């Protein structure tokens, strides 16, 4: 058994508060939007400055990295201390390859 996304969201918020990180980015894709939404909901009463970046779906004529590149372009506009990823493992790997 493992903890569910609700427990992970509360643990993540506790970690952010412990280290005093206030400016964060939450990157999410469609399959994990409910998890990102739950984290957003429980953190509304905190002092976090949260920027949301949705990872778009791959277009028909796009390669697999196009949505990743678009998300990274958005991320660069924010001066975040932490980036939380609510995306599928394959997208995490693609993102790491781009950075």
Foldseek 3Di string as FASTA:
>chain_A
DDDDLLVVLVVVVVVCVVVVFAEEEEEAEPVQVVSVVSSCVVCVVPNHDYHYHYQDDADPPGDPCVSLVVSVVVVVVGPGPYYHYHYDPVSVVSNVVVD
